[in-house]
Structure formats: structure tokens, C-alpha cells
Amino acid sequence: MFYEKIYEKLSELIDFDSLLKNQYLKYSSSGFMDLNIDFLRFEGKNSFIFAMAHNFTLNGDVMAHPDMEIRISPKDQIAEALTFQLDCEGIYQQVYKDNKIDTKLKNKLNTFLDKWLTYIKLQNYKLSIDCEELELK
């Protein structure tokens, strides 16, 4: 049930077909950091992985705050967090590492992702750019 809820929230925000076609989407909301969505790779026939991040620049370096890799399975309509990164804090966490699952971290990251998606919706993020638009400029 939990992973279906995350999938539903993501599908309200992201047009997955557009992401797969364009590889990159950017969402904006006045007064907030842009939200960047990057297609990373297919995983088998029925799922793919993308990164979702807020980024800012610090001393010329792009910093993730946060950045998560997320697995989507459209056929099953489920989604789950795989990684979590906060550059300024030096944090990088992986749910699946060395053929093991950190179930405590998995629950923690998916709870965070669920809350993050709620905030994104409340902050009224809208698609502002995709790869096709970048190619035209």
C-alpha cells in the first residue's frame, strides 16, 4: 500500500512518458529551489530509475539538497526510494548495498520521500522545462 501511495504522488507530479522521452524535466515554484528530474536507467523490462533533486550552487559547486534515486514500476504502480544524498552534510545512503537490503533505511527513506512529495504538491511545482525545450535554445 505504501509504495502504491508514493507511485500515485509521483505520477501526479511527473509525466513518466515525457521523462522517458526527454531524459530530463525541471519543475519550478516561486520562492523555492527548482526540482530536477533525471532519467538514469531501465531496470529490467518493467521498471526504471530516475533521480529527483533540489540543487543549489555553493562556491561554484552544484550541491544536492536532497537528491534521491527512485525506482518506478509502472506496470505494478509502485515506487520506492533507493538512495538519499545531502551534499552539504556529506550524507549518501543506499537501501540496497552489497546484495543486502537495509530495511530500516528503506522505511526511513520512503517515509521521507512520501513527505517530500506532499510538500512539493503543496508548494505548487509546475513543469518549467524539458529536454526538447533545451534543444530549441
C-alpha atoms as a PDB file:
ATOM      1  CA  MET A   1       0.000   0.000   0.000  1.00  0.00           C
ATOM      2  CA  PHE A   2       2.773   2.443   0.945  1.00  0.00           C
ATOM      3  CA  TYR A   3       4.682   2.052  -2.332  1.00  0.00           C
ATOM      4  CA  GLU A   4       1.466   2.478  -4.304  1.00  0.00           C
ATOM      5  CA  LYS A   5       0.828   5.770  -2.476  1.00  0.00           C
ATOM      6  CA  ILE A   6       4.303   7.033  -3.393  1.00  0.00           C
ATOM      7  CA  TYR A   7       3.742   5.972  -7.013  1.00  0.00           C
ATOM      8  CA  GLU A   8       0.431   7.848  -7.080  1.00  0.00           C
ATOM      9  CA  LYS A   9       2.041  11.044  -5.759  1.00  0.00           C
ATOM     10  CA  LEU A  10       4.881  10.781  -8.267  1.00  0.00           C
ATOM     11  CA  SER A  11       2.506  10.154 -11.169  1.00  0.00           C
ATOM     12  CA  GLU A  12       0.548  13.290 -10.229  1.00  0.00           C
ATOM     13  CA  LEU A  13       3.770  15.295 -10.499  1.00  0.00           C
ATOM     14  CA  ILE A  14       5.697  13.573 -13.311  1.00  0.00           C
ATOM     15  CA  ASP A  15       4.584  12.518 -16.758  1.00  0.00           C
ATOM     16  CA  PHE A  16       6.645   9.315 -16.947  1.00  0.00           C
ATOM     17  CA  ASP A  17       6.299   9.052 -20.740  1.00  0.00           C
ATOM     18  CA  SER A  18       7.728  12.574 -21.081  1.00  0.00           C
ATOM     19  CA  LEU A  19      10.583  11.711 -18.718  1.00  0.00           C
ATOM     20  CA  LEU A  20      11.466   8.589 -20.702  1.00  0.00           C
ATOM     21  CA  LYS A  21      11.314  10.538 -23.962  1.00  0.00           C
ATOM     22  CA  ASN A  22      13.195  13.646 -22.817  1.00  0.00           C
ATOM     23  CA  GLN A  23      15.508  12.201 -20.122  1.00  0.00           C
ATOM     24  CA  TYR A  24      15.288  15.430 -18.068  1.00  0.00           C
ATOM     25  CA  LEU A  25      12.484  17.519 -16.623  1.00  0.00           C
ATOM     26  CA  LYS A  26      12.648  20.641 -14.470  1.00  0.00           C
ATOM     27  CA  TYR A  27       9.869  21.878 -12.216  1.00  0.00           C
ATOM     28  CA  SER A  28       9.649  25.339 -10.672  1.00  0.00           C
ATOM     29  CA  SER A  29       7.683  27.061  -7.960  1.00  0.00           C
ATOM     30  CA  SER A  30       8.038  30.703  -6.997  1.00  0.00           C
ATOM     31  CA  GLY A  31      10.237  31.151  -3.934  1.00  0.00           C
ATOM     32  CA  PHE A  32      11.555  27.577  -3.919  1.00  0.00           C
ATOM     33  CA  MET A  33      14.569  25.751  -5.409  1.00  0.00           C
ATOM     34  CA  ASP A  34      13.930  24.122  -8.786  1.00  0.00           C
ATOM     35  CA  LEU A  35      13.158  20.427  -8.768  1.00  0.00           C
ATOM     36  CA  ASN A  36      15.232  18.420 -11.257  1.00  0.00           C
ATOM     37  CA  ILE A  37      14.180  15.008 -12.553  1.00  0.00           C
ATOM     38  CA  ASP A  38      16.764  12.943 -14.470  1.00  0.00           C
ATOM     39  CA  PHE A  39      16.145   9.558 -16.081  1.00  0.00           C
ATOM     40  CA  LEU A  40      19.031   7.264 -15.112  1.00  0.00           C
ATOM     41  CA  ARG A  41      18.420   3.772 -16.498  1.00  0.00           C
ATOM     42  CA  PHE A  42      15.993   0.970 -17.194  1.00  0.00           C
ATOM     43  CA  GLU A  43      15.971  -1.900 -14.735  1.00  0.00           C
ATOM     44  CA  GLY A  44      14.585  -4.975 -16.394  1.00  0.00           C
ATOM     45  CA  LYS A  45      11.515  -4.819 -18.630  1.00  0.00           C
ATOM     46  CA  ASN A  46       9.084  -3.328 -16.135  1.00  0.00           C
ATOM     47  CA  SER A  47      10.908  -0.651 -14.179  1.00  0.00           C
ATOM     48  CA  PHE A  48      13.261   2.293 -14.444  1.00  0.00           C
ATOM     49  CA  ILE A  49      15.266   4.505 -12.128  1.00  0.00           C
ATOM     50  CA  PHE A  50      15.370   8.280 -12.024  1.00  0.00           C
ATOM     51  CA  ALA A  51      16.907  10.911  -9.771  1.00  0.00           C
ATOM     52  CA  MET A  52      14.911  13.694  -8.155  1.00  0.00           C
ATOM     53  CA  ALA A  53      16.794  16.606  -6.608  1.00  0.00           C
ATOM     54  CA  HIS A  54      16.756  20.148  -5.396  1.00  0.00           C
ATOM     55  CA  ASN A  55      20.120  21.691  -6.292  1.00  0.00           C
ATOM     56  CA  PHE A  56      21.863  24.927  -5.380  1.00  0.00           C
ATOM     57  CA  THR A  57      25.299  26.363  -6.061  1.00  0.00           C
ATOM     58  CA  LEU A  58      27.844  26.835  -3.287  1.00  0.00           C
ATOM     59  CA  ASN A  59      31.243  28.317  -4.169  1.00  0.00           C
ATOM     60  CA  GLY A  60      30.700  27.300  -7.777  1.00  0.00           C
ATOM     61  CA  ASP A  61      29.774  23.685  -6.993  1.00  0.00           C
ATOM     62  CA  VAL A  62      26.314  22.237  -7.554  1.00  0.00           C
ATOM     63  CA  MET A  63      25.035  20.799  -4.280  1.00  0.00           C
ATOM     64  CA  ALA A  64      22.166  18.327  -3.896  1.00  0.00           C
ATOM     65  CA  HIS A  65      19.714  19.142  -1.125  1.00  0.00           C
ATOM     66  CA  PRO A  66      18.320  16.478  -1.240  1.00  0.00           C
ATOM     67  CA  ASP A  67      18.880  14.077  -4.118  1.00  0.00           C
ATOM     68  CA  MET A  68      17.149  10.695  -4.275  1.00  0.00           C
ATOM     69  CA  GLU A  69      17.242   7.824  -6.727  1.00  0.00           C
ATOM     70  CA  ILE A  70      13.805   6.289  -7.115  1.00  0.00           C
ATOM     71  CA  ARG A  71      12.673   3.069  -8.796  1.00  0.00           C
ATOM     72  CA  ILE A  72       9.368   3.175 -10.682  1.00  0.00           C
ATOM     73  CA  SER A  73       7.426   0.094 -11.754  1.00  0.00           C
ATOM     74  CA  PRO A  74       4.553   1.453 -13.887  1.00  0.00           C
ATOM     75  CA  LYS A  75       3.084  -1.997 -14.536  1.00  0.00           C
ATOM     76  CA  ASP A  76       2.707  -2.650 -10.786  1.00  0.00           C
ATOM     77  CA  GLN A  77       2.132   1.056  -9.997  1.00  0.00           C
ATOM     78  CA  ILE A  78       4.707   1.111  -7.230  1.00  0.00           C
ATOM     79  CA  ALA A  79       7.700   3.318  -6.475  1.00  0.00           C
ATOM     80  CA  GLU A  80      10.458   3.133  -3.897  1.00  0.00           C
ATOM     81  CA  ALA A  81      13.407   5.193  -2.750  1.00  0.00           C
ATOM     82  CA  LEU A  82      16.811   3.643  -3.393  1.00  0.00           C
ATOM     83  CA  THR A  83      19.283   6.332  -2.297  1.00  0.00           C
ATOM     84  CA  PHE A  84      19.421   9.599  -0.386  1.00  0.00           C
ATOM     85  CA  GLN A  85      22.078  12.299  -0.642  1.00  0.00           C
ATOM     86  CA  LEU A  86      22.728  15.651   1.080  1.00  0.00           C
ATOM     87  CA  ASP A  87      25.981  17.097  -0.260  1.00  0.00           C
ATOM     88  CA  CYS A  88      26.481  19.805   2.395  1.00  0.00           C
ATOM     89  CA  GLU A  89      26.220  17.223   5.149  1.00  0.00           C
ATOM     90  CA  GLY A  90      28.333  14.603   3.372  1.00  0.00           C
ATOM     91  CA  ILE A  91      25.450  12.118   3.525  1.00  0.00           C
ATOM     92  CA  TYR A  92      24.961   9.337   0.984  1.00  0.00           C
ATOM     93  CA  GLN A  93      22.771   6.366   1.883  1.00  0.00           C
ATOM     94  CA  GLN A  94      21.787   3.260  -0.121  1.00  0.00           C
ATOM     95  CA  VAL A  95      18.937   0.878   0.627  1.00  0.00           C
ATOM     96  CA  TYR A  96      20.432  -1.931  -1.472  1.00  0.00           C
ATOM     97  CA  LYS A  97      24.163  -2.424  -0.946  1.00  0.00           C
ATOM     98  CA  ASP A  98      26.391  -5.477  -1.396  1.00  0.00           C
ATOM     99  CA  ASN A  99      23.350  -7.665  -2.211  1.00  0.00           C
ATOM    100  CA  LYS A 100      21.753  -6.767   1.129  1.00  0.00           C
ATOM    101  CA  ILE A 101      18.669  -4.721   1.967  1.00  0.00           C
ATOM    102  CA  ASP A 102      18.775  -2.231   4.827  1.00  0.00           C
ATOM    103  CA  THR A 103      15.074  -2.497   5.741  1.00  0.00           C
ATOM    104  CA  LYS A 104      15.259   0.171   8.449  1.00  0.00           C
ATOM    105  CA  LEU A 105      16.808   2.648   5.989  1.00  0.00           C
ATOM    106  CA  LYS A 106      14.311   1.574   3.302  1.00  0.00           C
ATOM    107  CA  ASN A 107      11.402   2.508   5.565  1.00  0.00           C
ATOM    108  CA  LYS A 108      13.063   5.756   6.628  1.00  0.00           C
ATOM    109  CA  LEU A 109      13.818   6.891   3.054  1.00  0.00           C
ATOM    110  CA  ASN A 110      10.376   6.012   1.745  1.00  0.00           C
ATOM    111  CA  THR A 111       8.749   7.867   4.634  1.00  0.00           C
ATOM    112  CA  PHE A 112      10.911  10.884   3.779  1.00  0.00           C
ATOM    113  CA  LEU A 113      10.049  10.593   0.074  1.00  0.00           C
ATOM    114  CA  ASP A 114       6.340  10.430   0.862  1.00  0.00           C
ATOM    115  CA  LYS A 115       6.569  13.612   2.968  1.00  0.00           C
ATOM    116  CA  TRP A 116       8.777  15.368   0.409  1.00  0.00           C
ATOM    117  CA  LEU A 117       6.225  14.668  -2.321  1.00  0.00           C
ATOM    118  CA  THR A 118       3.469  16.086  -0.105  1.00  0.00           C
ATOM    119  CA  TYR A 119       5.463  19.301   0.351  1.00  0.00           C
ATOM    120  CA  ILE A 120       6.215  19.509  -3.380  1.00  0.00           C
ATOM    121  CA  LYS A 121       2.498  19.301  -4.122  1.00  0.00           C
ATOM    122  CA  LEU A 122       1.673  21.955  -1.515  1.00  0.00           C
ATOM    123  CA  GLN A 123       4.372  24.221  -2.979  1.00  0.00           C
ATOM    124  CA  ASN A 124       2.633  24.034  -6.375  1.00  0.00           C
ATOM    125  CA  TYR A 125       5.569  22.911  -8.526  1.00  0.00           C
ATOM    126  CA  LYS A 126       4.887  23.036 -12.265  1.00  0.00           C
ATOM    127  CA  LEU A 127       6.848  21.722 -15.239  1.00  0.00           C
ATOM    128  CA  SER A 128       9.062  24.541 -16.477  1.00  0.00           C
ATOM    129  CA  ILE A 129      11.448  22.853 -18.931  1.00  0.00           C
ATOM    130  CA  ASP A 130      12.179  19.570 -20.612  1.00  0.00           C
ATOM    131  CA  CYS A 131      14.948  18.376 -22.903  1.00  0.00           C
ATOM    132  CA  GLU A 132      13.064  19.262 -26.091  1.00  0.00           C
ATOM    133  CA  GLU A 133      12.899  22.900 -24.958  1.00  0.00           C
ATOM    134  CA  LEU A 134      16.625  22.873 -24.155  1.00  0.00           C
ATOM    135  CA  GLU A 135      17.443  21.645 -27.661  1.00  0.00           C
ATOM    136  CA  LEU A 136      15.484  24.518 -29.241  1.00  0.00           C
ATOM    137  CA  LYS A 137      17.559  27.203 -27.490  1.00  0.00           C
END
